[in-house]
N, C-alpha and C. Protein backbone atom coordinates (compact mmCIF):
# COMPACT_ATOMS: atom_id res chain seq x y z
N MET A 1 55.89 11.63 8.62
CA MET A 1 54.84 10.93 7.88
C MET A 1 54.31 9.75 8.69
N SER A 2 53.05 9.44 8.49
CA SER A 2 52.42 8.32 9.19
C SER A 2 52.93 7.00 8.63
N PRO A 3 52.75 5.91 9.39
CA PRO A 3 53.18 4.59 8.90
C PRO A 3 52.55 4.23 7.55
N VAL A 4 51.29 4.58 7.38
CA VAL A 4 50.60 4.30 6.12
C VAL A 4 51.24 5.07 4.97
N MET A 5 51.56 6.35 5.24
CA MET A 5 52.18 7.16 4.21
C MET A 5 53.60 6.67 3.89
N LEU A 6 54.32 6.22 4.91
CA LEU A 6 55.66 5.67 4.68
C LEU A 6 55.60 4.43 3.80
N GLU A 7 54.62 3.58 4.08
CA GLU A 7 54.47 2.37 3.26
C GLU A 7 54.15 2.75 1.81
N LEU A 8 53.29 3.73 1.64
CA LEU A 8 52.94 4.21 0.31
C LEU A 8 54.14 4.83 -0.38
N PHE A 9 54.96 5.53 0.41
CA PHE A 9 56.15 6.18 -0.13
C PHE A 9 57.15 5.14 -0.66
N PHE A 10 57.40 4.11 0.14
CA PHE A 10 58.35 3.08 -0.27
C PHE A 10 57.83 2.29 -1.48
N ARG A 11 56.53 2.07 -1.52
CA ARG A 11 55.96 1.37 -2.67
C ARG A 11 56.10 2.22 -3.93
N SER A 12 55.88 3.51 -3.80
CA SER A 12 56.02 4.42 -4.93
C SER A 12 57.47 4.49 -5.40
N PHE A 13 58.39 4.49 -4.45
CA PHE A 13 59.82 4.49 -4.79
C PHE A 13 60.16 3.23 -5.58
N TRP A 14 59.67 2.08 -5.13
CA TRP A 14 59.94 0.83 -5.82
C TRP A 14 59.35 0.84 -7.24
N GLU A 15 58.17 1.40 -7.39
CA GLU A 15 57.55 1.50 -8.71
C GLU A 15 58.38 2.36 -9.64
N THR A 16 58.92 3.45 -9.13
CA THR A 16 59.78 4.32 -9.95
C THR A 16 61.03 3.58 -10.39
N VAL A 17 61.64 2.82 -9.47
CA VAL A 17 62.84 2.05 -9.80
C VAL A 17 62.53 1.01 -10.88
N VAL A 18 61.42 0.30 -10.72
CA VAL A 18 61.05 -0.74 -11.69
C VAL A 18 60.78 -0.13 -13.06
N MET A 19 60.05 0.97 -13.10
CA MET A 19 59.76 1.64 -14.37
C MET A 19 61.04 2.09 -15.06
N THR A 20 61.95 2.66 -14.28
CA THR A 20 63.20 3.16 -14.84
C THR A 20 64.08 2.03 -15.35
N VAL A 21 64.24 0.99 -14.54
CA VAL A 21 65.12 -0.13 -14.92
C VAL A 21 64.55 -0.89 -16.11
N ALA A 22 63.25 -1.19 -16.08
CA ALA A 22 62.64 -1.97 -17.16
C ALA A 22 62.67 -1.21 -18.49
N SER A 23 62.24 0.04 -18.47
CA SER A 23 62.24 0.82 -19.71
C SER A 23 63.66 1.12 -20.16
N GLY A 24 64.59 1.29 -19.21
CA GLY A 24 65.99 1.51 -19.57
C GLY A 24 66.58 0.30 -20.24
N ALA A 25 66.28 -0.89 -19.72
CA ALA A 25 66.78 -2.12 -20.33
C ALA A 25 66.26 -2.30 -21.75
N ILE A 26 64.97 -2.00 -21.93
CA ILE A 26 64.39 -2.11 -23.28
C ILE A 26 65.03 -1.11 -24.23
N SER A 27 65.24 0.11 -23.76
CA SER A 27 65.85 1.13 -24.61
C SER A 27 67.28 0.76 -24.99
N LEU A 28 67.99 0.09 -24.08
CA LEU A 28 69.36 -0.35 -24.38
C LEU A 28 69.35 -1.45 -25.43
N VAL A 29 68.48 -2.45 -25.22
CA VAL A 29 68.42 -3.59 -26.14
C VAL A 29 67.96 -3.16 -27.53
N ALA A 30 67.03 -2.21 -27.60
CA ALA A 30 66.51 -1.77 -28.89
C ALA A 30 67.27 -0.57 -29.46
N GLY A 31 67.73 0.31 -28.57
CA GLY A 31 68.37 1.54 -29.03
C GLY A 31 69.77 1.35 -29.57
N LEU A 32 70.55 0.45 -28.95
CA LEU A 32 71.93 0.23 -29.42
C LEU A 32 71.95 -0.34 -30.84
N PRO A 33 71.18 -1.39 -31.15
CA PRO A 33 71.15 -1.86 -32.54
C PRO A 33 70.66 -0.79 -33.51
N LEU A 34 69.71 0.03 -33.07
CA LEU A 34 69.22 1.10 -33.93
C LEU A 34 70.32 2.12 -34.19
N GLY A 35 71.09 2.46 -33.15
CA GLY A 35 72.23 3.36 -33.33
C GLY A 35 73.28 2.77 -34.24
N LEU A 36 73.54 1.47 -34.08
CA LEU A 36 74.49 0.78 -34.96
C LEU A 36 74.01 0.81 -36.41
N ALA A 37 72.71 0.61 -36.60
CA ALA A 37 72.15 0.64 -37.95
C ALA A 37 72.28 2.02 -38.58
N LEU A 38 72.06 3.06 -37.78
CA LEU A 38 72.20 4.43 -38.29
C LEU A 38 73.63 4.72 -38.73
N VAL A 39 74.59 4.25 -37.94
CA VAL A 39 76.01 4.47 -38.28
C VAL A 39 76.41 3.62 -39.47
N ALA A 40 75.99 2.36 -39.49
CA ALA A 40 76.39 1.44 -40.55
C ALA A 40 75.85 1.85 -41.91
N THR A 41 74.61 2.37 -41.94
CA THR A 41 73.98 2.71 -43.22
C THR A 41 74.26 4.14 -43.66
N ALA A 42 74.95 4.91 -42.83
CA ALA A 42 75.27 6.30 -43.18
C ALA A 42 76.31 6.34 -44.31
N LYS A 43 76.50 7.50 -44.87
CA LYS A 43 77.48 7.66 -45.95
C LYS A 43 78.87 7.27 -45.46
N GLY A 44 79.51 6.35 -46.17
CA GLY A 44 80.83 5.87 -45.78
C GLY A 44 80.79 4.79 -44.72
N GLY A 45 79.59 4.36 -44.32
CA GLY A 45 79.47 3.34 -43.30
C GLY A 45 79.78 1.95 -43.83
N ILE A 46 79.80 0.98 -42.95
CA ILE A 46 80.17 -0.39 -43.35
C ILE A 46 79.06 -1.08 -44.14
N ALA A 47 77.87 -0.52 -44.11
CA ALA A 47 76.75 -1.06 -44.89
C ALA A 47 75.96 0.11 -45.47
N GLU A 48 76.64 0.99 -46.16
CA GLU A 48 76.04 2.23 -46.65
C GLU A 48 74.76 1.98 -47.44
N ASN A 49 73.69 2.64 -47.01
CA ASN A 49 72.41 2.53 -47.70
C ASN A 49 71.61 3.78 -47.37
N ARG A 50 71.63 4.71 -48.29
CA ARG A 50 71.03 6.03 -48.03
C ARG A 50 69.54 5.93 -47.74
N ALA A 51 68.82 5.09 -48.47
CA ALA A 51 67.38 4.98 -48.29
C ALA A 51 67.03 4.47 -46.89
N VAL A 52 67.70 3.41 -46.46
CA VAL A 52 67.46 2.85 -45.14
C VAL A 52 67.83 3.86 -44.06
N ASN A 53 68.93 4.55 -44.26
CA ASN A 53 69.38 5.53 -43.28
C ASN A 53 68.38 6.67 -43.14
N LEU A 54 67.83 7.11 -44.25
CA LEU A 54 66.86 8.20 -44.21
C LEU A 54 65.58 7.77 -43.50
N VAL A 55 65.13 6.54 -43.76
CA VAL A 55 63.91 6.04 -43.12
C VAL A 55 64.11 5.90 -41.62
N LEU A 56 65.23 5.28 -41.23
CA LEU A 56 65.52 5.11 -39.80
C LEU A 56 65.66 6.46 -39.11
N GLY A 57 66.36 7.39 -39.77
CA GLY A 57 66.54 8.72 -39.20
C GLY A 57 65.22 9.45 -39.03
N ALA A 58 64.32 9.30 -40.01
CA ALA A 58 63.01 9.96 -39.93
C ALA A 58 62.18 9.38 -38.78
N ILE A 59 62.23 8.06 -38.59
CA ILE A 59 61.48 7.43 -37.50
C ILE A 59 62.01 7.90 -36.15
N VAL A 60 63.32 7.91 -36.01
CA VAL A 60 63.94 8.34 -34.76
C VAL A 60 63.60 9.80 -34.47
N ASN A 61 63.77 10.64 -35.47
CA ASN A 61 63.47 12.07 -35.29
C ASN A 61 62.00 12.31 -34.99
N GLY A 62 61.12 11.51 -35.62
CA GLY A 62 59.70 11.67 -35.40
C GLY A 62 59.31 11.42 -33.95
N PHE A 63 59.81 10.32 -33.38
CA PHE A 63 59.49 10.01 -31.99
C PHE A 63 60.15 10.99 -31.03
N ARG A 64 61.37 11.42 -31.34
CA ARG A 64 62.07 12.34 -30.45
C ARG A 64 61.46 13.73 -30.46
N SER A 65 60.76 14.08 -31.52
CA SER A 65 60.20 15.44 -31.60
C SER A 65 58.89 15.59 -30.84
N VAL A 66 58.28 14.46 -30.44
CA VAL A 66 57.00 14.53 -29.73
C VAL A 66 57.25 14.65 -28.23
N PRO A 67 56.72 15.68 -27.59
CA PRO A 67 56.87 15.80 -26.13
C PRO A 67 56.35 14.55 -25.43
N PHE A 68 57.02 14.15 -24.36
CA PHE A 68 56.69 12.87 -23.73
C PHE A 68 55.25 12.80 -23.24
N ILE A 69 54.75 13.87 -22.68
CA ILE A 69 53.38 13.85 -22.13
C ILE A 69 52.36 13.61 -23.25
N ILE A 70 52.65 14.13 -24.46
CA ILE A 70 51.76 13.90 -25.60
C ILE A 70 51.91 12.46 -26.10
N LEU A 71 53.15 11.99 -26.16
CA LEU A 71 53.39 10.61 -26.58
C LEU A 71 52.73 9.63 -25.62
N LEU A 72 52.75 9.98 -24.35
CA LEU A 72 52.15 9.14 -23.31
C LEU A 72 50.66 8.93 -23.58
N VAL A 73 49.99 10.01 -23.94
CA VAL A 73 48.55 9.94 -24.22
C VAL A 73 48.29 9.27 -25.57
N ALA A 74 49.11 9.61 -26.57
CA ALA A 74 48.90 9.07 -27.92
C ALA A 74 49.09 7.55 -27.96
N LEU A 75 49.93 7.02 -27.08
CA LEU A 75 50.22 5.59 -27.08
C LEU A 75 49.28 4.78 -26.19
N ILE A 76 48.26 5.42 -25.64
CA ILE A 76 47.33 4.69 -24.76
C ILE A 76 46.73 3.45 -25.44
N PRO A 77 46.28 3.53 -26.71
CA PRO A 77 45.75 2.32 -27.36
C PRO A 77 46.81 1.21 -27.48
N VAL A 78 48.04 1.61 -27.80
CA VAL A 78 49.13 0.63 -27.91
C VAL A 78 49.42 0.02 -26.55
N THR A 79 49.47 0.86 -25.54
CA THR A 79 49.74 0.38 -24.18
C THR A 79 48.65 -0.58 -23.72
N ARG A 80 47.40 -0.22 -23.99
CA ARG A 80 46.29 -1.08 -23.59
C ARG A 80 46.34 -2.42 -24.32
N PHE A 81 46.76 -2.39 -25.58
CA PHE A 81 46.87 -3.63 -26.36
C PHE A 81 47.97 -4.53 -25.82
N ILE A 82 49.10 -3.94 -25.39
CA ILE A 82 50.24 -4.73 -24.95
C ILE A 82 50.06 -5.28 -23.53
N VAL A 83 49.66 -4.42 -22.61
CA VAL A 83 49.59 -4.84 -21.20
C VAL A 83 48.16 -4.97 -20.67
N GLY A 84 47.17 -4.60 -21.49
CA GLY A 84 45.79 -4.77 -21.08
C GLY A 84 45.20 -3.64 -20.28
N THR A 85 45.99 -2.62 -20.01
CA THR A 85 45.51 -1.46 -19.26
C THR A 85 46.34 -0.24 -19.65
N ALA A 86 45.79 0.94 -19.40
CA ALA A 86 46.49 2.17 -19.74
C ALA A 86 46.96 2.92 -18.51
N ILE A 87 46.75 2.35 -17.32
CA ILE A 87 47.21 3.00 -16.11
C ILE A 87 48.03 2.03 -15.27
N GLY A 88 48.83 2.57 -14.38
CA GLY A 88 49.63 1.72 -13.52
C GLY A 88 51.09 1.64 -13.97
N MET A 89 51.89 1.00 -13.15
CA MET A 89 53.33 0.92 -13.37
C MET A 89 53.69 0.23 -14.68
N TRP A 90 53.10 -0.94 -14.93
CA TRP A 90 53.45 -1.70 -16.13
C TRP A 90 53.01 -0.99 -17.39
N ALA A 91 51.89 -0.30 -17.32
CA ALA A 91 51.42 0.46 -18.48
C ALA A 91 52.38 1.60 -18.81
N ALA A 92 52.99 2.19 -17.80
CA ALA A 92 53.91 3.32 -18.03
C ALA A 92 55.19 2.88 -18.71
N ILE A 93 55.58 1.62 -18.52
CA ILE A 93 56.83 1.14 -19.09
C ILE A 93 56.80 1.18 -20.62
N VAL A 94 55.64 0.96 -21.20
CA VAL A 94 55.53 0.94 -22.67
C VAL A 94 55.89 2.29 -23.29
N PRO A 95 55.21 3.38 -22.94
CA PRO A 95 55.60 4.68 -23.52
C PRO A 95 56.99 5.13 -23.09
N LEU A 96 57.40 4.79 -21.87
CA LEU A 96 58.74 5.16 -21.43
C LEU A 96 59.79 4.50 -22.32
N ALA A 97 59.62 3.21 -22.60
CA ALA A 97 60.58 2.48 -23.44
C ALA A 97 60.56 3.00 -24.87
N ILE A 98 59.37 3.28 -25.39
CA ILE A 98 59.26 3.78 -26.77
C ILE A 98 59.88 5.16 -26.90
N ALA A 99 59.75 5.98 -25.86
CA ALA A 99 60.34 7.32 -25.89
C ALA A 99 61.86 7.27 -25.72
N ALA A 100 62.33 6.35 -24.87
CA ALA A 100 63.76 6.29 -24.56
C ALA A 100 64.58 5.62 -25.66
N THR A 101 63.98 4.71 -26.42
CA THR A 101 64.73 3.97 -27.45
C THR A 101 65.33 4.88 -28.52
N PRO A 102 64.56 5.75 -29.18
CA PRO A 102 65.19 6.65 -30.16
C PRO A 102 66.14 7.65 -29.51
N TYR A 103 65.84 8.03 -28.27
CA TYR A 103 66.73 8.95 -27.55
C TYR A 103 68.11 8.31 -27.37
N TYR A 104 68.12 7.07 -26.89
CA TYR A 104 69.41 6.41 -26.70
C TYR A 104 70.05 6.04 -28.04
N ALA A 105 69.24 5.77 -29.05
CA ALA A 105 69.78 5.44 -30.36
C ALA A 105 70.63 6.59 -30.91
N ARG A 106 70.17 7.81 -30.72
CA ARG A 106 70.93 8.97 -31.19
C ARG A 106 72.22 9.15 -30.36
N ILE A 107 72.12 8.91 -29.06
CA ILE A 107 73.30 9.00 -28.22
C ILE A 107 74.32 7.95 -28.65
N ALA A 108 73.84 6.73 -28.89
CA ALA A 108 74.72 5.65 -29.33
C ALA A 108 75.34 5.97 -30.68
N GLU A 109 74.54 6.56 -31.57
CA GLU A 109 75.05 6.92 -32.90
C GLU A 109 76.23 7.90 -32.79
N VAL A 110 76.07 8.92 -31.95
CA VAL A 110 77.14 9.90 -31.76
C VAL A 110 78.39 9.22 -31.20
N SER A 111 78.21 8.33 -30.23
CA SER A 111 79.34 7.63 -29.62
C SER A 111 80.06 6.75 -30.64
N LEU A 112 79.30 6.04 -31.45
CA LEU A 112 79.88 5.13 -32.43
C LEU A 112 80.58 5.88 -33.56
N ARG A 113 80.09 7.06 -33.89
CA ARG A 113 80.73 7.85 -34.95
C ARG A 113 82.12 8.34 -34.54
N GLU A 114 82.38 8.38 -33.23
CA GLU A 114 83.66 8.87 -32.75
C GLU A 114 84.78 7.82 -32.83
N VAL A 115 84.41 6.60 -33.16
CA VAL A 115 85.42 5.53 -33.27
C VAL A 115 86.35 5.83 -34.44
N ASP A 116 87.63 5.66 -34.22
CA ASP A 116 88.65 5.94 -35.24
C ASP A 116 88.41 5.08 -36.48
N ARG A 117 88.21 5.74 -37.62
CA ARG A 117 87.96 5.01 -38.86
C ARG A 117 89.16 4.19 -39.29
N GLY A 118 90.36 4.60 -38.83
CA GLY A 118 91.55 3.83 -39.17
C GLY A 118 91.48 2.40 -38.65
N LEU A 119 90.88 2.25 -37.45
CA LEU A 119 90.72 0.91 -36.88
C LEU A 119 89.75 0.07 -37.72
N ILE A 120 88.69 0.71 -38.19
CA ILE A 120 87.71 0.01 -39.03
C ILE A 120 88.36 -0.45 -40.32
N GLU A 121 89.12 0.45 -40.94
CA GLU A 121 89.78 0.11 -42.19
C GLU A 121 90.83 -0.99 -41.99
N ALA A 122 91.48 -0.99 -40.84
CA ALA A 122 92.47 -2.02 -40.55
C ALA A 122 91.82 -3.41 -40.47
N VAL A 123 90.67 -3.48 -39.81
CA VAL A 123 89.95 -4.75 -39.71
C VAL A 123 89.45 -5.19 -41.09
N ARG A 124 88.99 -4.21 -41.88
CA ARG A 124 88.56 -4.53 -43.24
C ARG A 124 89.71 -5.09 -44.06
N ALA A 125 90.88 -4.49 -43.92
CA ALA A 125 92.05 -4.92 -44.67
C ALA A 125 92.46 -6.35 -44.30
N MET A 126 92.16 -6.74 -43.05
CA MET A 126 92.50 -8.10 -42.61
C MET A 126 91.40 -9.10 -42.93
N GLY A 127 90.38 -8.65 -43.67
CA GLY A 127 89.32 -9.55 -44.09
C GLY A 127 88.14 -9.63 -43.16
N GLY A 128 88.06 -8.74 -42.21
CA GLY A 128 86.94 -8.76 -41.26
C GLY A 128 85.64 -8.36 -41.91
N ASN A 129 84.56 -9.06 -41.58
CA ASN A 129 83.25 -8.71 -42.14
C ASN A 129 82.56 -7.65 -41.27
N ARG A 130 81.34 -7.31 -41.62
CA ARG A 130 80.62 -6.26 -40.90
C ARG A 130 80.42 -6.62 -39.44
N TRP A 131 80.03 -7.87 -39.17
CA TRP A 131 79.79 -8.29 -37.80
C TRP A 131 81.07 -8.22 -36.97
N THR A 132 82.19 -8.58 -37.60
CA THR A 132 83.48 -8.51 -36.90
C THR A 132 83.83 -7.07 -36.55
N ILE A 133 83.56 -6.16 -37.47
CA ILE A 133 83.84 -4.75 -37.22
C ILE A 133 82.99 -4.23 -36.07
N ILE A 134 81.71 -4.61 -36.05
CA ILE A 134 80.82 -4.18 -34.98
C ILE A 134 81.26 -4.75 -33.63
N ARG A 135 81.56 -6.06 -33.63
CA ARG A 135 81.87 -6.77 -32.39
C ARG A 135 83.25 -6.44 -31.84
N GLU A 136 84.22 -6.28 -32.74
CA GLU A 136 85.60 -6.11 -32.30
C GLU A 136 86.09 -4.67 -32.28
N VAL A 137 85.40 -3.78 -33.00
CA VAL A 137 85.88 -2.39 -33.10
C VAL A 137 84.85 -1.39 -32.59
N LEU A 138 83.71 -1.32 -33.25
CA LEU A 138 82.75 -0.26 -32.95
C LEU A 138 82.29 -0.26 -31.49
N VAL A 139 81.72 -1.38 -31.04
CA VAL A 139 81.17 -1.44 -29.68
C VAL A 139 82.27 -1.35 -28.62
N PRO A 140 83.36 -2.14 -28.71
CA PRO A 140 84.40 -2.04 -27.67
C PRO A 140 85.02 -0.65 -27.56
N GLU A 141 85.30 -0.03 -28.71
CA GLU A 141 85.95 1.27 -28.69
C GLU A 141 85.02 2.38 -28.17
N ALA A 142 83.75 2.22 -28.44
CA ALA A 142 82.79 3.25 -28.02
C ALA A 142 82.14 2.94 -26.67
N LEU A 143 82.53 1.83 -26.03
CA LEU A 143 81.85 1.36 -24.83
C LEU A 143 81.79 2.39 -23.70
N PRO A 144 82.90 3.06 -23.34
CA PRO A 144 82.79 4.07 -22.27
C PRO A 144 81.76 5.16 -22.59
N SER A 145 81.77 5.62 -23.83
CA SER A 145 80.82 6.66 -24.23
C SER A 145 79.40 6.12 -24.27
N LEU A 146 79.24 4.86 -24.67
CA LEU A 146 77.91 4.24 -24.68
C LEU A 146 77.35 4.12 -23.27
N VAL A 147 78.20 3.76 -22.33
CA VAL A 147 77.77 3.65 -20.93
C VAL A 147 77.40 5.02 -20.38
N ALA A 148 78.20 6.03 -20.70
CA ALA A 148 77.90 7.39 -20.25
C ALA A 148 76.56 7.86 -20.82
N GLY A 149 76.31 7.53 -22.09
CA GLY A 149 75.05 7.90 -22.70
C GLY A 149 73.87 7.17 -22.10
N PHE A 150 74.08 5.91 -21.73
CA PHE A 150 73.01 5.13 -21.10
C PHE A 150 72.70 5.69 -19.72
N THR A 151 73.72 6.17 -19.02
CA THR A 151 73.51 6.80 -17.71
C THR A 151 72.61 8.03 -17.85
N VAL A 152 72.88 8.83 -18.86
CA VAL A 152 72.04 10.01 -19.12
C VAL A 152 70.61 9.58 -19.45
N THR A 153 70.47 8.50 -20.21
CA THR A 153 69.15 7.99 -20.57
C THR A 153 68.37 7.57 -19.33
N LEU A 154 69.03 6.86 -18.41
CA LEU A 154 68.36 6.43 -17.18
C LEU A 154 67.88 7.63 -16.36
N ILE A 155 68.72 8.64 -16.28
CA ILE A 155 68.35 9.84 -15.52
C ILE A 155 67.15 10.54 -16.18
N THR A 156 67.16 10.58 -17.50
CA THR A 156 66.02 11.16 -18.23
C THR A 156 64.75 10.37 -17.96
N LEU A 157 64.88 9.05 -17.88
CA LEU A 157 63.73 8.19 -17.63
C LEU A 157 63.15 8.42 -16.23
N ILE A 158 63.99 8.75 -15.27
CA ILE A 158 63.48 9.05 -13.92
C ILE A 158 62.54 10.24 -13.98
N GLY A 159 62.96 11.29 -14.70
CA GLY A 159 62.12 12.46 -14.85
C GLY A 159 60.84 12.14 -15.63
N ALA A 160 60.97 11.32 -16.66
CA ALA A 160 59.79 10.96 -17.46
C ALA A 160 58.83 10.10 -16.66
N SER A 161 59.36 9.20 -15.82
CA SER A 161 58.49 8.36 -15.00
C SER A 161 57.70 9.20 -13.99
N ALA A 162 58.34 10.24 -13.48
CA ALA A 162 57.64 11.15 -12.58
C ALA A 162 56.53 11.89 -13.32
N MET A 163 56.81 12.25 -14.58
CA MET A 163 55.80 12.93 -15.40
C MET A 163 54.63 11.99 -15.70
N ALA A 164 54.95 10.70 -15.88
CA ALA A 164 53.90 9.72 -16.18
C ALA A 164 52.91 9.60 -15.02
N GLY A 165 53.35 9.98 -13.83
CA GLY A 165 52.46 9.95 -12.67
C GLY A 165 51.26 10.86 -12.83
N ALA A 166 51.35 11.82 -13.74
CA ALA A 166 50.25 12.75 -13.97
C ALA A 166 49.01 12.05 -14.50
N ILE A 167 49.18 10.88 -15.13
CA ILE A 167 48.01 10.16 -15.65
C ILE A 167 47.84 8.82 -14.93
N GLY A 168 48.29 8.76 -13.69
CA GLY A 168 48.06 7.57 -12.88
C GLY A 168 48.98 6.42 -13.13
N ALA A 169 50.23 6.70 -13.52
CA ALA A 169 51.18 5.63 -13.80
C ALA A 169 51.80 5.06 -12.53
N GLY A 170 51.57 5.68 -11.40
CA GLY A 170 52.18 5.23 -10.16
C GLY A 170 53.56 5.84 -10.00
N GLY A 171 54.28 5.39 -8.97
CA GLY A 171 55.62 5.90 -8.73
C GLY A 171 55.61 7.19 -7.93
N LEU A 172 56.80 7.76 -7.78
CA LEU A 172 56.95 8.96 -6.96
C LEU A 172 56.23 10.17 -7.54
N GLY A 173 56.16 10.24 -8.86
CA GLY A 173 55.47 11.36 -9.49
C GLY A 173 53.99 11.37 -9.14
N ASP A 174 53.38 10.20 -9.20
CA ASP A 174 51.97 10.07 -8.83
C ASP A 174 51.75 10.43 -7.37
N LEU A 175 52.66 9.97 -6.51
CA LEU A 175 52.56 10.29 -5.07
C LEU A 175 52.66 11.79 -4.83
N ALA A 176 53.61 12.43 -5.51
CA ALA A 176 53.80 13.87 -5.33
C ALA A 176 52.57 14.66 -5.79
N ILE A 177 51.95 14.21 -6.88
CA ILE A 177 50.78 14.93 -7.39
C ILE A 177 49.56 14.73 -6.49
N ARG A 178 49.30 13.45 -6.13
CA ARG A 178 48.07 13.15 -5.37
C ARG A 178 48.13 13.64 -3.93
N TYR A 179 49.29 13.55 -3.32
CA TYR A 179 49.39 13.92 -1.91
C TYR A 179 50.13 15.25 -1.69
N GLY A 180 51.27 15.41 -2.37
CA GLY A 180 52.03 16.63 -2.17
C GLY A 180 51.37 17.87 -2.74
N TYR A 181 50.73 17.72 -3.92
CA TYR A 181 50.12 18.88 -4.59
C TYR A 181 48.63 19.01 -4.30
N GLN A 182 47.87 17.95 -4.59
CA GLN A 182 46.41 18.04 -4.46
C GLN A 182 45.95 18.12 -3.00
N ARG A 183 46.70 17.49 -2.08
CA ARG A 183 46.30 17.52 -0.67
C ARG A 183 47.18 18.46 0.17
N PHE A 184 48.05 19.18 -0.51
CA PHE A 184 48.89 20.20 0.13
C PHE A 184 49.74 19.63 1.28
N GLU A 185 50.25 18.42 1.10
CA GLU A 185 51.13 17.83 2.11
C GLU A 185 52.58 18.12 1.70
N THR A 186 53.09 19.22 2.23
CA THR A 186 54.43 19.70 1.86
C THR A 186 55.51 18.68 2.18
N THR A 187 55.35 17.96 3.28
CA THR A 187 56.35 16.97 3.68
C THR A 187 56.53 15.90 2.62
N VAL A 188 55.43 15.46 2.04
CA VAL A 188 55.49 14.44 0.99
C VAL A 188 56.20 14.98 -0.24
N MET A 189 55.86 16.19 -0.63
CA MET A 189 56.48 16.80 -1.81
C MET A 189 57.98 16.95 -1.62
N VAL A 190 58.38 17.44 -0.46
CA VAL A 190 59.82 17.63 -0.18
C VAL A 190 60.53 16.28 -0.18
N ALA A 191 59.91 15.27 0.43
CA ALA A 191 60.52 13.94 0.49
C ALA A 191 60.69 13.35 -0.90
N VAL A 192 59.70 13.51 -1.75
CA VAL A 192 59.78 12.99 -3.12
C VAL A 192 60.91 13.67 -3.89
N VAL A 193 60.99 14.98 -3.80
CA VAL A 193 62.05 15.72 -4.48
C VAL A 193 63.42 15.29 -3.98
N ALA A 194 63.55 15.15 -2.66
CA ALA A 194 64.84 14.75 -2.07
C ALA A 194 65.25 13.35 -2.55
N VAL A 195 64.30 12.42 -2.58
CA VAL A 195 64.61 11.05 -3.01
C VAL A 195 64.98 11.02 -4.49
N LEU A 196 64.29 11.78 -5.31
CA LEU A 196 64.60 11.83 -6.73
C LEU A 196 66.01 12.40 -6.96
N ILE A 197 66.38 13.41 -6.19
CA ILE A 197 67.72 13.98 -6.31
C ILE A 197 68.78 12.95 -5.94
N VAL A 198 68.55 12.25 -4.83
CA VAL A 198 69.49 11.22 -4.39
C VAL A 198 69.59 10.10 -5.43
N LEU A 199 68.46 9.68 -5.97
CA LEU A 199 68.44 8.61 -6.97
C LEU A 199 69.22 8.99 -8.21
N VAL A 200 69.04 10.22 -8.66
CA VAL A 200 69.78 10.70 -9.83
C VAL A 200 71.28 10.75 -9.54
N CYS A 201 71.64 11.24 -8.35
CA CYS A 201 73.05 11.32 -7.98
C CYS A 201 73.71 9.94 -7.91
N VAL A 202 72.97 8.97 -7.38
CA VAL A 202 73.51 7.60 -7.26
C VAL A 202 73.73 7.00 -8.65
N ILE A 203 72.76 7.16 -9.53
CA ILE A 203 72.89 6.62 -10.89
C ILE A 203 74.04 7.30 -11.62
N GLN A 204 74.16 8.62 -11.48
CA GLN A 204 75.25 9.34 -12.14
C GLN A 204 76.60 8.90 -11.59
N TRP A 205 76.69 8.73 -10.27
CA TRP A 205 77.94 8.29 -9.66
C TRP A 205 78.33 6.89 -10.14
N ALA A 206 77.36 5.98 -10.18
CA ALA A 206 77.63 4.62 -10.63
C ALA A 206 78.05 4.60 -12.10
N GLY A 207 77.37 5.40 -12.91
CA GLY A 207 77.72 5.47 -14.32
C GLY A 207 79.10 6.04 -14.54
N ASP A 208 79.43 7.11 -13.83
CA ASP A 208 80.77 7.71 -13.95
C ASP A 208 81.86 6.75 -13.51
N LEU A 209 81.58 6.00 -12.44
CA LEU A 209 82.55 5.03 -11.93
C LEU A 209 82.81 3.93 -12.96
N LEU A 210 81.74 3.44 -13.58
CA LEU A 210 81.88 2.39 -14.60
C LEU A 210 82.62 2.91 -15.82
N VAL A 211 82.32 4.12 -16.24
CA VAL A 211 83.01 4.72 -17.38
C VAL A 211 84.50 4.87 -17.09
N GLU A 212 84.83 5.30 -15.88
CA GLU A 212 86.23 5.46 -15.49
C GLU A 212 86.97 4.13 -15.55
N ARG A 213 86.33 3.07 -15.08
CA ARG A 213 86.97 1.75 -15.11
C ARG A 213 87.14 1.25 -16.54
N LEU A 214 86.16 1.49 -17.38
CA LEU A 214 86.26 1.09 -18.77
C LEU A 214 87.36 1.86 -19.50
N ASP A 215 87.50 3.14 -19.16
CA ASP A 215 88.55 3.95 -19.76
C ASP A 215 89.94 3.42 -19.40
N HIS A 216 90.08 2.97 -18.15
CA HIS A 216 91.37 2.45 -17.71
C HIS A 216 91.71 1.14 -18.40
N LYS A 217 90.67 0.34 -18.71
CA LYS A 217 90.90 -0.95 -19.37
C LYS A 217 91.27 -0.78 -20.83
N SER A 218 90.75 0.27 -21.46
CA SER A 218 90.97 0.46 -22.89
C SER A 218 92.35 1.03 -23.18
């Protein structure tokens, strides 16, 4: 590749990393509380409320059922309102975060449901309130599984960020479409695919390593 193309390649790689990290962080901050709320308000939960649980479940299922490329287009007015534009790296973070939040919320819900109810009842018996149960039992006990689920979410976001390139979001996906596909530059396409594979492998390796360490501590 030419020096100009290399510079463009590295810039696109950085845009993909920023989109993935930023939207992943938002999905973690918003998705974990949402997952906790789903578990807490479920039948037999620490704050059982069927109506709230049904509403939250319907919202999560609604967003998860929409294909990302459709959600990407449907959220253009929202994206333009938040960041002032509907194209570019920062614009892509909005739909990526909105799509990833319910996805991670369901993963977190499954992880939190696996926590031994005996531990929850023990804390209740000692006078622990809901916040104590969440802070001392639910999150610590489910932490390895939560980290593993977040790793999967980040990897999913890499694929989604590449898809966002189809509408000018920037990143490696945009580079692959504009140069690898439309201009028939096979070298660019191969390089993008190779970098995406390496990026996914690195994230999976780091996530697995962290999960292993957390398992040893627990």
